């Protein structure tokens, strides 16, 4: 997959082993193609949740 660097920024993130295990469980449960997709989905869900909480 070619990444458009004008629209995307790569970042290094460190997770605890427990967090990584939960991410990998989510990845396989939701059948994402790779771990990165699962992490992006989890972040997107968290951002949506935060916006809902802010609008209350």
C-alpha atoms as a PDB file:
ATOM      1  CA  UNK A   1       0.000   0.000   0.000  1.00  0.00           C
ATOM      2  CA  UNK A   2       1.367   3.388  -1.015  1.00  0.00           C
ATOM      3  CA  UNK A   3       0.940   6.046   1.657  1.00  0.00           C
ATOM      4  CA  UNK A   4       0.259   9.640   0.605  1.00  0.00           C
ATOM      5  CA  UNK A   5       2.679  11.477   2.896  1.00  0.00           C
ATOM      6  CA  UNK A   6       0.924  14.799   2.273  1.00  0.00           C
ATOM      7  CA  UNK A   7      -2.188  13.383   3.987  1.00  0.00           C
ATOM      8  CA  UNK A   8      -0.670  10.952   6.491  1.00  0.00           C
ATOM      9  CA  UNK A   9       1.926  11.110   9.239  1.00  0.00           C
ATOM     10  CA  UNK A  10       3.666   8.084  10.681  1.00  0.00           C
ATOM     11  CA  UNK A  11       4.095   8.043  14.461  1.00  0.00           C
ATOM     12  CA  UNK A  12       5.811   5.706  16.870  1.00  0.00           C
ATOM     13  CA  UNK A  13       3.621   4.548  19.754  1.00  0.00           C
ATOM     14  CA  UNK A  14       4.570   2.254  22.612  1.00  0.00           C
ATOM     15  CA  UNK A  15       1.978  -0.062  24.176  1.00  0.00           C
ATOM     16  CA  UNK A  16       2.214  -2.200  27.277  1.00  0.00           C
ATOM     17  CA  UNK A  17       2.169  -5.937  26.645  1.00  0.00           C
ATOM     18  CA  UNK A  18      -1.335  -6.092  28.115  1.00  0.00           C
ATOM     19  CA  UNK A  19      -2.593  -3.360  25.787  1.00  0.00           C
ATOM     20  CA  UNK A  20      -0.980  -5.038  22.804  1.00  0.00           C
ATOM     21  CA  UNK A  21      -2.667  -8.325  23.693  1.00  0.00           C
ATOM     22  CA  UNK A  22      -6.051  -6.566  23.847  1.00  0.00           C
ATOM     23  CA  UNK A  23      -5.378  -4.851  20.511  1.00  0.00           C
ATOM     24  CA  UNK A  24      -4.435  -8.142  18.889  1.00  0.00           C
ATOM     25  CA  UNK A  25      -7.569  -9.829  20.297  1.00  0.00           C
ATOM     26  CA  UNK A  26      -9.660  -6.994  18.825  1.00  0.00           C
ATOM     27  CA  UNK A  27      -7.774  -7.243  15.529  1.00  0.00           C
ATOM     28  CA  UNK A  28      -8.560 -10.947  15.136  1.00  0.00           C
ATOM     29  CA  UNK A  29     -12.095 -10.686  16.502  1.00  0.00           C
ATOM     30  CA  UNK A  30     -13.008  -7.944  14.020  1.00  0.00           C
ATOM     31  CA  UNK A  31     -10.985  -9.588  11.227  1.00  0.00           C
ATOM     32  CA  UNK A  32      -8.976  -6.538  10.243  1.00  0.00           C
ATOM     33  CA  UNK A  33      -6.254  -7.115   7.655  1.00  0.00           C
ATOM     34  CA  UNK A  34      -3.503  -5.988  10.001  1.00  0.00           C
ATOM     35  CA  UNK A  35      -2.778  -4.558  13.432  1.00  0.00           C
ATOM     36  CA  UNK A  36      -2.484  -0.996  12.122  1.00  0.00           C
ATOM     37  CA  UNK A  37      -6.052  -1.081  10.819  1.00  0.00           C
ATOM     38  CA  UNK A  38      -7.276  -2.325  14.189  1.00  0.00           C
ATOM     39  CA  UNK A  39      -5.407   0.433  16.039  1.00  0.00           C
ATOM     40  CA  UNK A  40      -6.809   3.099  13.717  1.00  0.00           C
ATOM     41  CA  UNK A  41     -10.343   1.708  14.219  1.00  0.00           C
ATOM     42  CA  UNK A  42      -9.943   1.706  17.993  1.00  0.00           C
ATOM     43  CA  UNK A  43      -8.699   5.291  17.949  1.00  0.00           C
ATOM     44  CA  UNK A  44     -11.564   6.364  15.678  1.00  0.00           C
ATOM     45  CA  UNK A  45     -14.096   4.754  18.036  1.00  0.00           C
ATOM     46  CA  UNK A  46     -12.490   6.496  20.990  1.00  0.00           C
ATOM     47  CA  UNK A  47     -12.607   9.853  19.214  1.00  0.00           C
ATOM     48  CA  UNK A  48     -16.290   9.349  18.338  1.00  0.00           C
ATOM     49  CA  UNK A  49     -17.038   8.473  21.956  1.00  0.00           C
ATOM     50  CA  UNK A  50     -15.184  11.559  23.183  1.00  0.00           C
ATOM     51  CA  UNK A  51     -17.148  13.803  20.819  1.00  0.00           C
ATOM     52  CA  UNK A  52     -20.428  12.304  22.066  1.00  0.00           C
ATOM     53  CA  UNK A  53     -19.391  12.930  25.667  1.00  0.00           C
ATOM     54  CA  UNK A  54     -18.393  16.523  24.844  1.00  0.00           C
ATOM     55  CA  UNK A  55     -21.826  17.199  23.296  1.00  0.00           C
ATOM     56  CA  UNK A  56     -23.710  16.191  26.458  1.00  0.00           C
END
